[in-house]
């Protein structure tokens, strides 16, 4: 029995020692600055807000574009803090410069125009806000959007979270 265990151990050890990290040969899309002529090479996405009067300092900024059918095309801009807290802005991918107000009623007509707050540490504190999003600049061809936002999120547990002084300037 000891010989079988030793033989198994040596076989596994040999397998691990003989495996090299093979380079990935598939294609990985990395945006080229030349694709966005109006965006400087050193451009960095920015996202900021105050959550209940305290700076919401983002650790990560994620941008996504979802292209589906009809009015389901949207851009999602996410700022995260502490791995648990996120503020997510949903806007239609063809949105133009202007002020947009939303509440729980308008979200039914325009589901991709809102701001949500997510607390993974306490999901009952999460929710969709009522407020406004102002688009200052949007160049669809360069996938660049800039704007401001604010809202009040009434969460499932009865807590109220105020998101103020929100700004974003991203390439998606």
Protein backbone atom coordinates (compact mmCIF):
# COMPACT_ATOMS: atom_id res chain seq x y z
CA UNK A 1 0.00 0.00 0.00
CA UNK A 2 2.86 2.39 0.81
CA UNK A 3 4.40 1.66 -2.59
CA UNK A 4 1.16 2.59 -4.36
CA UNK A 5 0.87 5.82 -2.36
CA UNK A 6 4.52 6.68 -3.05
CA UNK A 7 4.12 5.84 -6.72
CA UNK A 8 0.98 8.01 -6.94
CA UNK A 9 2.75 10.89 -5.19
CA UNK A 10 5.75 10.66 -7.54
CA UNK A 11 3.47 10.49 -10.59
CA UNK A 12 1.59 13.61 -9.53
CA UNK A 13 4.83 15.41 -8.66
CA UNK A 14 6.28 14.53 -12.06
CA UNK A 15 3.13 15.78 -13.77
CA UNK A 16 3.27 19.15 -11.98
CA UNK A 17 6.99 19.60 -12.59
CA UNK A 18 6.70 18.76 -16.28
CA UNK A 19 3.85 21.19 -17.01
CA UNK A 20 4.94 24.61 -18.21
CA UNK A 21 2.76 27.66 -18.45
CA UNK A 22 1.79 27.57 -22.09
CA UNK A 23 1.15 30.97 -23.69
CA UNK A 24 -2.44 31.69 -24.67
CA UNK A 25 -2.74 31.59 -28.43
CA UNK A 26 -6.27 33.00 -28.78
CA UNK A 27 -7.08 36.56 -29.64
CA UNK A 28 -7.46 39.11 -26.85
CA UNK A 29 -9.05 42.42 -27.74
CA UNK A 30 -7.13 45.39 -26.41
CA UNK A 31 -8.49 48.76 -27.53
CA UNK A 32 -6.00 50.71 -29.58
CA UNK A 33 -5.78 54.43 -28.88
CA UNK A 34 -5.90 54.97 -32.64
CA UNK A 35 -9.48 53.68 -32.64
CA UNK A 36 -10.57 56.64 -30.51
CA UNK A 37 -8.90 59.60 -32.15
CA UNK A 38 -10.50 62.14 -29.83
CA UNK A 39 -9.35 60.35 -26.67
CA UNK A 40 -5.77 60.89 -25.48
CA UNK A 41 -3.50 57.85 -25.16
CA UNK A 42 -3.17 58.41 -21.40
CA UNK A 43 -6.95 58.73 -20.77
CA UNK A 44 -8.14 56.99 -17.61
CA UNK A 45 -11.73 56.29 -16.66
CA UNK A 46 -12.95 58.30 -13.68
CA UNK A 47 -15.89 57.77 -11.33
CA UNK A 48 -16.69 59.56 -8.09
CA UNK A 49 -19.64 60.22 -5.79
CA UNK A 50 -20.61 60.86 -2.20
CA UNK A 51 -22.57 58.16 -0.40
CA UNK A 52 -24.49 59.66 2.52
CA UNK A 53 -22.13 62.64 2.50
CA UNK A 54 -18.93 60.52 2.56
CA UNK A 55 -16.61 60.23 -0.44
CA UNK A 56 -17.25 57.00 -2.32
CA UNK A 57 -13.69 56.32 -3.40
CA UNK A 58 -13.77 53.72 -6.14
CA UNK A 59 -11.28 50.90 -6.22
CA UNK A 60 -12.42 49.57 -9.58
CA UNK A 61 -14.31 51.08 -12.51
CA UNK A 62 -16.05 48.73 -14.92
CA UNK A 63 -17.78 49.72 -18.15
CA UNK A 64 -19.96 47.44 -20.22
CA UNK A 65 -22.06 47.89 -23.32
CA UNK A 66 -24.90 45.48 -23.90
CA UNK A 67 -26.22 45.40 -27.42
CA UNK A 68 -29.45 43.51 -27.83
CA UNK A 69 -32.75 44.12 -29.50
CA UNK A 70 -34.67 47.39 -29.49
CA UNK A 71 -34.52 49.34 -26.25
CA UNK A 72 -32.37 46.76 -24.48
CA UNK A 73 -29.09 48.33 -25.63
CA UNK A 74 -27.43 49.96 -22.65
CA UNK A 75 -24.17 51.09 -21.10
CA UNK A 76 -23.41 50.09 -17.51
CA UNK A 77 -20.82 52.08 -15.56
CA UNK A 78 -19.85 50.57 -12.21
CA UNK A 79 -17.74 52.01 -9.43
CA UNK A 80 -16.87 49.59 -6.62
CA UNK A 81 -15.44 50.10 -3.15
CA UNK A 82 -14.35 47.56 -0.54
CA UNK A 83 -15.36 44.70 -2.86
CA UNK A 84 -18.85 44.87 -1.35
CA UNK A 85 -20.20 48.29 -2.32
CA UNK A 86 -21.11 49.29 -5.88
CA UNK A 87 -22.84 52.17 -7.59
CA UNK A 88 -24.03 51.24 -11.07
CA UNK A 89 -25.30 53.69 -13.68
CA UNK A 90 -27.46 52.25 -16.47
CA UNK A 91 -28.02 54.43 -19.52
CA UNK A 92 -29.30 53.71 -23.04
CA UNK A 93 -26.41 53.25 -25.47
CA UNK A 94 -27.82 55.90 -27.80
CA UNK A 95 -28.45 58.52 -25.10
CA UNK A 96 -27.79 62.12 -26.09
CA UNK A 97 -26.61 65.15 -24.14
CA UNK A 98 -29.25 66.34 -21.69
CA UNK A 99 -30.86 65.97 -18.25
CA UNK A 100 -32.77 62.78 -17.46
CA UNK A 101 -34.93 62.23 -14.41
CA UNK A 102 -36.11 58.80 -13.33
CA UNK A 103 -38.16 57.23 -10.59
CA UNK A 104 -39.72 53.84 -10.04
CA UNK A 105 -42.52 54.63 -12.53
CA UNK A 106 -40.26 55.82 -15.37
CA UNK A 107 -37.99 52.80 -14.93
CA UNK A 108 -40.89 50.65 -16.16
CA UNK A 109 -40.92 52.61 -19.46
CA UNK A 110 -37.15 53.07 -19.71
CA UNK A 111 -35.57 50.17 -17.79
CA UNK A 112 -32.02 51.13 -18.74
CA UNK A 113 -32.02 54.62 -17.26
CA UNK A 114 -31.30 54.47 -13.54
CA UNK A 115 -28.71 54.28 -10.79
CA UNK A 116 -28.52 51.34 -8.40
CA UNK A 117 -26.65 50.89 -5.16
CA UNK A 118 -25.47 47.44 -4.16
CA UNK A 119 -24.12 46.29 -0.81
CA UNK A 120 -23.09 42.63 -1.09
CA UNK A 121 -22.45 42.54 2.64
CA UNK A 122 -26.13 43.39 3.29
CA UNK A 123 -28.28 42.74 0.22
CA UNK A 124 -31.37 44.24 1.88
CA UNK A 125 -29.57 47.60 1.80
CA UNK A 126 -29.35 47.46 -2.00
CA UNK A 127 -31.82 49.07 -4.37
CA UNK A 128 -32.58 51.26 -7.36
CA UNK A 129 -32.61 54.98 -6.82
CA UNK A 130 -34.82 57.85 -7.84
CA UNK A 131 -32.95 60.85 -9.18
CA UNK A 132 -31.25 62.32 -12.21
CA UNK A 133 -28.50 61.64 -14.69
CA UNK A 134 -27.03 64.45 -16.78
CA UNK A 135 -25.11 63.54 -19.91
CA UNK A 136 -22.54 66.26 -20.59
CA UNK A 137 -20.82 64.60 -23.54
CA UNK A 138 -21.43 61.39 -25.51
CA UNK A 139 -19.53 60.40 -28.62
CA UNK A 140 -20.98 57.06 -29.73
CA UNK A 141 -18.33 56.51 -32.42
CA UNK A 142 -15.52 56.83 -29.85
CA UNK A 143 -17.41 55.04 -27.05
CA UNK A 144 -16.83 57.99 -24.73
CA UNK A 145 -19.39 59.32 -22.26
CA UNK A 146 -19.22 61.93 -19.53
CA UNK A 147 -21.85 63.00 -17.05
CA UNK A 148 -23.14 63.55 -13.53
CA UNK A 149 -25.73 61.80 -11.38
CA UNK A 150 -27.49 61.85 -8.02
CA UNK A 151 -30.22 59.81 -6.43
CA UNK A 152 -31.90 58.55 -3.29
CA UNK A 153 -32.06 54.78 -2.80
CA UNK A 154 -34.81 53.48 -0.54
CA UNK A 155 -33.59 49.99 0.31
CA UNK A 156 -35.57 46.87 1.16
CA UNK A 157 -34.56 47.08 4.82
CA UNK A 158 -35.93 50.62 5.14
CA UNK A 159 -32.57 52.39 5.02
CA UNK A 160 -32.12 55.44 2.83
CA UNK A 161 -28.87 55.99 0.94
CA UNK A 162 -28.21 59.35 -0.69
CA UNK A 163 -25.82 59.40 -3.62
CA UNK A 164 -24.74 62.95 -4.46
CA UNK A 165 -22.04 64.75 -6.45
CA UNK A 166 -21.68 61.79 -8.82
CA UNK A 167 -19.39 62.19 -11.83
CA UNK A 168 -18.21 59.81 -14.52
CA UNK A 169 -15.94 60.16 -17.53
CA UNK A 170 -15.39 56.80 -19.22
CA UNK A 171 -14.67 54.96 -22.39
CA UNK A 172 -16.87 51.88 -22.78
